[in-house]
Amino acid sequence: MKITAKSSTNVQVRIMSGRHEFIADEPLGIGDDAGPDPYSLLLSSLAACTIITVQMYARRKNWPLDEVELSLSTQKVHAKDCEDCESDPNARVDIIDRQISFKGDLTPDQIVRLTDIASKCPVHRTLKSETIIRTEVL
């Protein structure tokens, strides 16, 4: 998988992914609000991956999942202000809050399993794992 991005007007970024092209930007006052900001794109990636993973699992099991709806938000807090954070208390921690709902004639056990599967999508695992970003100047 390869993504190419180029600077554009003001602080806009033109992003190419295969045959798809879209714009990232910052809100008015910093940018022109011509597209989602970088954190919204990150959350969008997690949302899309989560929903696709859950849908594929439900299809494989022939479960009556009609729709998945997801809401995500992010915030930075000090670890000392986070009940379940293990970082140094003075460290800043990124928290992603996720709310998910499943529509369909599902049993309570199926809903529990789908919720578990939601945390197994590849983007979720990437965000939770150690990630190394290597930069090469061309």
N, C-alpha and C. Protein backbone atom coordinates (compact mmCIF):
# COMPACT_ATOMS: atom_id res chain seq x y z
N MET A 1 0.85 -1.17 0.00
CA MET A 1 0.00 0.00 0.00
C MET A 1 0.90 1.23 0.00
N LYS A 2 0.57 2.17 -0.86
CA LYS A 2 1.36 3.40 -0.93
C LYS A 2 0.42 4.58 -1.07
N ILE A 3 0.70 5.61 -0.32
CA ILE A 3 -0.03 6.87 -0.37
C ILE A 3 0.97 7.93 -0.82
N THR A 4 0.55 8.83 -1.71
CA THR A 4 1.37 9.95 -2.11
C THR A 4 0.63 11.22 -1.73
N ALA A 5 1.35 12.17 -1.17
CA ALA A 5 0.73 13.44 -0.76
C ALA A 5 1.60 14.60 -1.23
N LYS A 6 0.94 15.68 -1.66
CA LYS A 6 1.65 16.88 -2.13
C LYS A 6 1.00 18.11 -1.52
N SER A 7 1.83 19.09 -1.19
CA SER A 7 1.29 20.35 -0.71
C SER A 7 0.51 21.00 -1.84
N SER A 8 -0.52 21.76 -1.44
CA SER A 8 -1.39 22.41 -2.40
C SER A 8 -1.63 23.83 -1.94
N THR A 9 -2.79 24.39 -2.20
CA THR A 9 -3.14 25.76 -1.83
C THR A 9 -3.13 25.94 -0.31
N ASN A 10 -2.57 27.06 0.16
CA ASN A 10 -2.51 27.38 1.59
C ASN A 10 -1.89 26.18 2.32
N VAL A 11 -2.58 25.56 3.27
CA VAL A 11 -2.03 24.38 3.97
C VAL A 11 -2.71 23.09 3.52
N GLN A 12 -3.44 23.15 2.41
CA GLN A 12 -4.10 21.95 1.90
C GLN A 12 -3.07 20.92 1.44
N VAL A 13 -3.45 19.67 1.54
CA VAL A 13 -2.61 18.56 1.08
C VAL A 13 -3.44 17.71 0.14
N ARG A 14 -2.92 17.48 -1.05
CA ARG A 14 -3.57 16.60 -2.03
C ARG A 14 -3.05 15.19 -1.79
N ILE A 15 -3.95 14.25 -1.54
CA ILE A 15 -3.57 12.88 -1.20
C ILE A 15 -4.05 11.95 -2.31
N MET A 16 -3.14 11.10 -2.78
CA MET A 16 -3.46 10.13 -3.81
C MET A 16 -3.27 8.73 -3.23
N SER A 17 -4.29 7.91 -3.38
CA SER A 17 -4.25 6.53 -2.94
C SER A 17 -4.80 5.68 -4.07
N GLY A 18 -3.91 5.07 -4.83
CA GLY A 18 -4.36 4.34 -6.01
C GLY A 18 -5.05 5.29 -6.96
N ARG A 19 -6.29 4.98 -7.34
CA ARG A 19 -7.02 5.85 -8.27
C ARG A 19 -7.87 6.89 -7.53
N HIS A 20 -7.76 6.95 -6.21
CA HIS A 20 -8.55 7.90 -5.42
C HIS A 20 -7.69 9.12 -5.06
N GLU A 21 -8.34 10.26 -5.09
CA GLU A 21 -7.66 11.50 -4.73
C GLU A 21 -8.59 12.31 -3.83
N PHE A 22 -8.03 12.89 -2.77
CA PHE A 22 -8.82 13.72 -1.87
C PHE A 22 -7.92 14.75 -1.20
N ILE A 23 -8.53 15.67 -0.48
CA ILE A 23 -7.84 16.80 0.13
C ILE A 23 -7.91 16.70 1.65
N ALA A 24 -6.79 16.99 2.30
CA ALA A 24 -6.77 17.21 3.75
C ALA A 24 -6.50 18.69 3.96
N ASP A 25 -7.03 19.25 5.02
CA ASP A 25 -6.88 20.67 5.28
C ASP A 25 -7.05 20.91 6.77
N GLU A 26 -6.92 22.13 7.17
CA GLU A 26 -7.18 22.56 8.54
C GLU A 26 -8.42 23.45 8.53
N PRO A 27 -9.08 23.60 9.68
CA PRO A 27 -10.27 24.46 9.75
C PRO A 27 -9.95 25.91 9.39
N LEU A 28 -11.00 26.66 9.07
CA LEU A 28 -10.84 28.09 8.76
C LEU A 28 -10.07 28.79 9.88
N GLY A 29 -9.28 29.73 9.51
CA GLY A 29 -8.42 30.43 10.47
C GLY A 29 -6.99 29.93 10.37
N ILE A 30 -6.84 28.65 10.09
CA ILE A 30 -5.51 28.07 9.84
C ILE A 30 -5.45 27.67 8.37
N GLY A 31 -6.50 27.00 7.92
CA GLY A 31 -6.58 26.55 6.53
C GLY A 31 -7.85 27.04 5.90
N ASP A 32 -8.28 26.36 4.84
CA ASP A 32 -9.47 26.76 4.10
C ASP A 32 -10.66 25.82 4.35
N ASP A 33 -10.50 24.83 5.21
CA ASP A 33 -11.55 23.86 5.52
C ASP A 33 -12.05 23.15 4.25
N ALA A 34 -11.11 22.84 3.35
CA ALA A 34 -11.46 22.19 2.08
C ALA A 34 -11.55 20.68 2.20
N GLY A 35 -11.18 20.14 3.36
CA GLY A 35 -11.22 18.70 3.58
C GLY A 35 -11.03 18.42 5.05
N PRO A 36 -11.06 17.16 5.43
CA PRO A 36 -10.87 16.81 6.84
C PRO A 36 -9.45 17.13 7.30
N ASP A 37 -9.32 17.43 8.59
CA ASP A 37 -8.00 17.66 9.17
C ASP A 37 -7.31 16.31 9.39
N PRO A 38 -5.99 16.30 9.62
CA PRO A 38 -5.26 15.03 9.76
C PRO A 38 -5.80 14.10 10.85
N TYR A 39 -6.21 14.61 11.99
CA TYR A 39 -6.75 13.72 13.03
C TYR A 39 -8.09 13.13 12.61
N SER A 40 -8.90 13.88 11.89
CA SER A 40 -10.16 13.33 11.39
C SER A 40 -9.89 12.21 10.39
N LEU A 41 -8.85 12.36 9.56
CA LEU A 41 -8.48 11.29 8.64
C LEU A 41 -8.03 10.05 9.39
N LEU A 42 -7.26 10.25 10.47
CA LEU A 42 -6.81 9.12 11.29
C LEU A 42 -8.01 8.38 11.89
N LEU A 43 -8.93 9.14 12.48
CA LEU A 43 -10.13 8.52 13.06
C LEU A 43 -10.99 7.87 11.99
N SER A 44 -11.04 8.47 10.81
CA SER A 44 -11.80 7.89 9.70
C SER A 44 -11.22 6.54 9.29
N SER A 45 -9.91 6.45 9.28
CA SER A 45 -9.26 5.17 8.94
C SER A 45 -9.63 4.10 9.95
N LEU A 46 -9.59 4.46 11.22
CA LEU A 46 -9.96 3.50 12.27
C LEU A 46 -11.43 3.11 12.15
N ALA A 47 -12.30 4.08 11.89
CA ALA A 47 -13.73 3.79 11.76
C ALA A 47 -13.99 2.86 10.59
N ALA A 48 -13.42 3.18 9.43
CA ALA A 48 -13.65 2.36 8.24
C ALA A 48 -13.14 0.94 8.45
N CYS A 49 -11.94 0.80 9.00
CA CYS A 49 -11.36 -0.52 9.23
C CYS A 49 -12.21 -1.32 10.22
N THR A 50 -12.65 -0.68 11.28
CA THR A 50 -13.47 -1.35 12.29
C THR A 50 -14.76 -1.88 11.68
N ILE A 51 -15.45 -1.03 10.95
CA ILE A 51 -16.73 -1.42 10.37
C ILE A 51 -16.56 -2.53 9.33
N ILE A 52 -15.54 -2.41 8.49
CA ILE A 52 -15.30 -3.44 7.48
C ILE A 52 -14.97 -4.78 8.14
N THR A 53 -14.14 -4.75 9.18
CA THR A 53 -13.75 -5.98 9.88
C THR A 53 -14.97 -6.64 10.51
N VAL A 54 -15.82 -5.86 11.17
CA VAL A 54 -17.03 -6.40 11.81
C VAL A 54 -17.99 -6.96 10.76
N GLN A 55 -18.18 -6.23 9.66
CA GLN A 55 -19.08 -6.70 8.61
C GLN A 55 -18.59 -8.02 8.01
N MET A 56 -17.30 -8.12 7.73
CA MET A 56 -16.75 -9.33 7.14
C MET A 56 -16.91 -10.52 8.09
N TYR A 57 -16.70 -10.29 9.38
CA TYR A 57 -16.85 -11.36 10.36
C TYR A 57 -18.31 -11.83 10.42
N ALA A 58 -19.23 -10.88 10.47
CA ALA A 58 -20.65 -11.22 10.56
C ALA A 58 -21.11 -11.98 9.30
N ARG A 59 -20.62 -11.56 8.14
CA ARG A 59 -20.97 -12.28 6.90
C ARG A 59 -20.46 -13.71 6.92
N ARG A 60 -19.21 -13.88 7.38
CA ARG A 60 -18.61 -15.23 7.46
C ARG A 60 -19.43 -16.14 8.37
N LYS A 61 -19.98 -15.56 9.43
CA LYS A 61 -20.78 -16.32 10.40
C LYS A 61 -22.26 -16.39 10.01
N ASN A 62 -22.63 -15.70 8.93
CA ASN A 62 -24.04 -15.61 8.51
C ASN A 62 -24.93 -15.02 9.60
N TRP A 63 -24.42 -14.00 10.29
CA TRP A 63 -25.18 -13.32 11.33
C TRP A 63 -25.99 -12.19 10.70
N PRO A 64 -27.16 -11.88 11.25
CA PRO A 64 -28.05 -10.86 10.66
C PRO A 64 -27.64 -9.42 11.05
N LEU A 65 -26.43 -9.03 10.68
CA LEU A 65 -25.96 -7.67 10.95
C LEU A 65 -26.39 -6.78 9.77
N ASP A 66 -27.25 -5.82 10.04
CA ASP A 66 -27.75 -4.94 8.99
C ASP A 66 -26.90 -3.68 8.83
N GLU A 67 -26.40 -3.17 9.96
CA GLU A 67 -25.67 -1.90 9.92
C GLU A 67 -24.79 -1.77 11.15
N VAL A 68 -23.65 -1.12 10.96
CA VAL A 68 -22.76 -0.78 12.07
C VAL A 68 -22.58 0.73 12.04
N GLU A 69 -22.75 1.37 13.18
CA GLU A 69 -22.53 2.81 13.27
C GLU A 69 -21.48 3.06 14.34
N LEU A 70 -20.57 3.97 14.02
CA LEU A 70 -19.42 4.21 14.89
C LEU A 70 -19.23 5.71 15.07
N SER A 71 -18.90 6.11 16.27
CA SER A 71 -18.56 7.50 16.55
C SER A 71 -17.22 7.50 17.28
N LEU A 72 -16.29 8.30 16.81
CA LEU A 72 -14.95 8.36 17.41
C LEU A 72 -14.59 9.80 17.73
N SER A 73 -13.85 9.97 18.81
CA SER A 73 -13.29 11.28 19.15
C SER A 73 -11.93 11.05 19.79
N THR A 74 -11.10 12.06 19.76
CA THR A 74 -9.77 11.93 20.33
C THR A 74 -9.47 13.12 21.22
N GLN A 75 -8.63 12.87 22.22
CA GLN A 75 -8.19 13.93 23.13
C GLN A 75 -6.81 13.57 23.66
N LYS A 76 -6.08 14.58 24.08
CA LYS A 76 -4.79 14.38 24.74
C LYS A 76 -4.95 14.75 26.20
N VAL A 77 -4.47 13.88 27.09
CA VAL A 77 -4.53 14.14 28.52
C VAL A 77 -3.20 13.76 29.15
N HIS A 78 -2.96 14.22 30.35
CA HIS A 78 -1.81 13.75 31.11
C HIS A 78 -2.14 12.35 31.65
N ALA A 79 -1.17 11.48 31.64
CA ALA A 79 -1.38 10.11 32.11
C ALA A 79 -1.94 10.10 33.54
N LYS A 80 -1.53 11.06 34.36
CA LYS A 80 -2.01 11.09 35.75
C LYS A 80 -3.52 11.35 35.82
N ASP A 81 -4.11 11.90 34.75
CA ASP A 81 -5.54 12.16 34.71
C ASP A 81 -6.33 11.05 34.03
N CYS A 82 -5.67 9.94 33.77
CA CYS A 82 -6.27 8.82 33.04
C CYS A 82 -6.24 7.59 33.94
N GLU A 83 -7.41 7.05 34.26
CA GLU A 83 -7.51 5.91 35.18
C GLU A 83 -6.78 4.66 34.69
N ASP A 84 -6.85 4.39 33.39
CA ASP A 84 -6.28 3.14 32.89
C ASP A 84 -4.99 3.33 32.08
N CYS A 85 -4.31 4.47 32.25
CA CYS A 85 -3.04 4.71 31.55
C CYS A 85 -1.88 4.19 32.39
N GLU A 86 -0.89 3.63 31.69
CA GLU A 86 0.27 3.07 32.37
C GLU A 86 1.52 3.91 32.17
N SER A 87 1.44 4.97 31.40
CA SER A 87 2.59 5.81 31.10
C SER A 87 3.03 6.61 32.32
N ASP A 88 4.20 7.20 32.20
CA ASP A 88 4.70 8.12 33.23
C ASP A 88 3.60 9.15 33.51
N PRO A 89 3.31 9.45 34.77
CA PRO A 89 2.20 10.35 35.10
C PRO A 89 2.25 11.71 34.41
N ASN A 90 3.44 12.20 34.07
CA ASN A 90 3.55 13.51 33.42
C ASN A 90 3.50 13.42 31.89
N ALA A 91 3.47 12.22 31.36
CA ALA A 91 3.43 12.04 29.91
C ALA A 91 2.05 12.42 29.38
N ARG A 92 2.03 12.88 28.13
CA ARG A 92 0.77 13.15 27.45
C ARG A 92 0.34 11.87 26.74
N VAL A 93 -0.92 11.55 26.86
CA VAL A 93 -1.46 10.32 26.30
C VAL A 93 -2.60 10.68 25.35
N ASP A 94 -2.62 10.02 24.19
CA ASP A 94 -3.72 10.17 23.25
C ASP A 94 -4.80 9.16 23.62
N ILE A 95 -6.02 9.63 23.76
CA ILE A 95 -7.15 8.75 24.06
C ILE A 95 -8.14 8.85 22.91
N ILE A 96 -8.51 7.70 22.38
CA ILE A 96 -9.56 7.64 21.36
C ILE A 96 -10.77 6.99 22.01
N ASP A 97 -11.86 7.73 22.04
CA ASP A 97 -13.12 7.20 22.58
C ASP A 97 -13.95 6.70 21.40
N ARG A 98 -14.49 5.49 21.54
CA ARG A 98 -15.25 4.87 20.45
C ARG A 98 -16.61 4.44 20.99
N GLN A 99 -17.65 4.80 20.26
CA GLN A 99 -19.00 4.32 20.55
C GLN A 99 -19.47 3.57 19.31
N ILE A 100 -19.98 2.37 19.53
CA ILE A 100 -20.37 1.52 18.41
C ILE A 100 -21.78 0.99 18.65
N SER A 101 -22.55 0.90 17.57
CA SER A 101 -23.87 0.27 17.67
C SER A 101 -24.05 -0.66 16.48
N PHE A 102 -24.74 -1.75 16.76
CA PHE A 102 -25.01 -2.77 15.75
C PHE A 102 -26.51 -2.84 15.54
N LYS A 103 -26.93 -2.85 14.29
CA LYS A 103 -28.36 -2.99 13.98
C LYS A 103 -28.56 -4.33 13.28
N GLY A 104 -29.59 -5.02 13.70
CA GLY A 104 -29.91 -6.33 13.16
C GLY A 104 -30.47 -7.20 14.26
N ASP A 105 -30.98 -8.33 13.88
CA ASP A 105 -31.58 -9.26 14.83
C ASP A 105 -30.48 -10.12 15.46
N LEU A 106 -29.64 -9.49 16.28
CA LEU A 106 -28.47 -10.15 16.87
C LEU A 106 -28.75 -10.56 18.31
N THR A 107 -28.15 -11.66 18.73
CA THR A 107 -28.26 -12.08 20.13
C THR A 107 -27.28 -11.27 20.97
N PRO A 108 -27.49 -11.21 22.28
CA PRO A 108 -26.52 -10.53 23.14
C PRO A 108 -25.10 -11.12 23.00
N ASP A 109 -24.98 -12.43 22.84
CA ASP A 109 -23.66 -13.05 22.66
C ASP A 109 -23.01 -12.61 21.35
N GLN A 110 -23.80 -12.46 20.30
CA GLN A 110 -23.25 -12.00 19.03
C GLN A 110 -22.76 -10.55 19.14
N ILE A 111 -23.50 -9.73 19.86
CA ILE A 111 -23.09 -8.33 20.05
C ILE A 111 -21.78 -8.27 20.83
N VAL A 112 -21.65 -9.09 21.86
CA VAL A 112 -20.39 -9.14 22.63
C VAL A 112 -19.24 -9.55 21.72
N ARG A 113 -19.45 -10.56 20.89
CA ARG A 113 -18.39 -11.04 19.99
C ARG A 113 -18.04 -10.00 18.95
N LEU A 114 -19.02 -9.33 18.38
CA LEU A 114 -18.75 -8.28 17.39
C LEU A 114 -17.99 -7.11 18.01
N THR A 115 -18.30 -6.79 19.25
CA THR A 115 -17.57 -5.73 19.96
C THR A 115 -16.11 -6.13 20.13
N ASP A 116 -15.87 -7.38 20.45
CA ASP A 116 -14.50 -7.89 20.57
C ASP A 116 -13.78 -7.84 19.22
N ILE A 117 -14.47 -8.25 18.17
CA ILE A 117 -13.90 -8.25 16.82
C ILE A 117 -13.55 -6.83 16.38
N ALA A 118 -14.32 -5.85 16.82
CA ALA A 118 -14.06 -4.45 16.45
C ALA A 118 -12.64 -4.02 16.85
N SER A 119 -12.13 -4.57 17.93
CA SER A 119 -10.78 -4.20 18.40
C SER A 119 -9.69 -5.00 17.69
N LYS A 120 -10.06 -5.84 16.76
CA LYS A 120 -9.08 -6.67 16.06
C LYS A 120 -8.80 -6.19 14.64
N CYS A 121 -9.37 -5.08 14.24
CA CYS A 121 -9.12 -4.60 12.88
C CYS A 121 -7.65 -4.19 12.77
N PRO A 122 -7.07 -4.30 11.57
CA PRO A 122 -5.66 -4.00 11.38
C PRO A 122 -5.24 -2.58 11.80
N VAL A 123 -6.07 -1.58 11.53
CA VAL A 123 -5.70 -0.21 11.91
C VAL A 123 -5.68 -0.07 13.43
N HIS A 124 -6.64 -0.68 14.11
CA HIS A 124 -6.67 -0.66 15.58
C HIS A 124 -5.37 -1.28 16.12
N ARG A 125 -5.00 -2.43 15.57
CA ARG A 125 -3.78 -3.10 16.04
C ARG A 125 -2.54 -2.27 15.75
N THR A 126 -2.51 -1.58 14.62
CA THR A 126 -1.37 -0.70 14.30
C THR A 126 -1.27 0.44 15.32
N LEU A 127 -2.42 1.05 15.62
CA LEU A 127 -2.41 2.17 16.57
C LEU A 127 -2.00 1.73 17.98
N LYS A 128 -2.33 0.50 18.34
CA LYS A 128 -2.00 -0.01 19.68
C LYS A 128 -0.59 -0.58 19.78
N SER A 129 0.06 -0.83 18.67
CA SER A 129 1.38 -1.47 18.69
C SER A 129 2.49 -0.43 18.59
N GLU A 130 3.69 -0.88 18.78
CA GLU A 130 4.85 -0.01 18.56
C GLU A 130 4.92 0.25 17.06
N THR A 131 5.04 1.51 16.70
CA THR A 131 5.11 1.90 15.30
C THR A 131 6.39 2.69 15.07
N ILE A 132 7.11 2.32 14.05
CA ILE A 132 8.36 3.01 13.69
C ILE A 132 8.10 3.75 12.39
N ILE A 133 8.41 5.01 12.35
CA ILE A 133 8.28 5.79 11.11
C ILE A 133 9.68 6.19 10.68
N ARG A 134 10.08 5.69 9.52
CA ARG A 134 11.41 6.00 8.98
C ARG A 134 11.27 7.08 7.93
N THR A 135 12.12 8.08 8.00
CA THR A 135 12.05 9.20 7.07
C THR A 135 13.32 9.24 6.22
N GLU A 136 13.14 9.33 4.92
CA GLU A 136 14.25 9.44 3.98
C GLU A 136 14.05 10.74 3.20
N VAL A 137 15.05 11.58 3.16
CA VAL A 137 14.97 12.82 2.40
C VAL A 137 15.40 12.53 0.98
N LEU A 138 14.56 12.91 0.00
CA LEU A 138 14.86 12.67 -1.42
C LEU A 138 15.37 13.92 -2.08
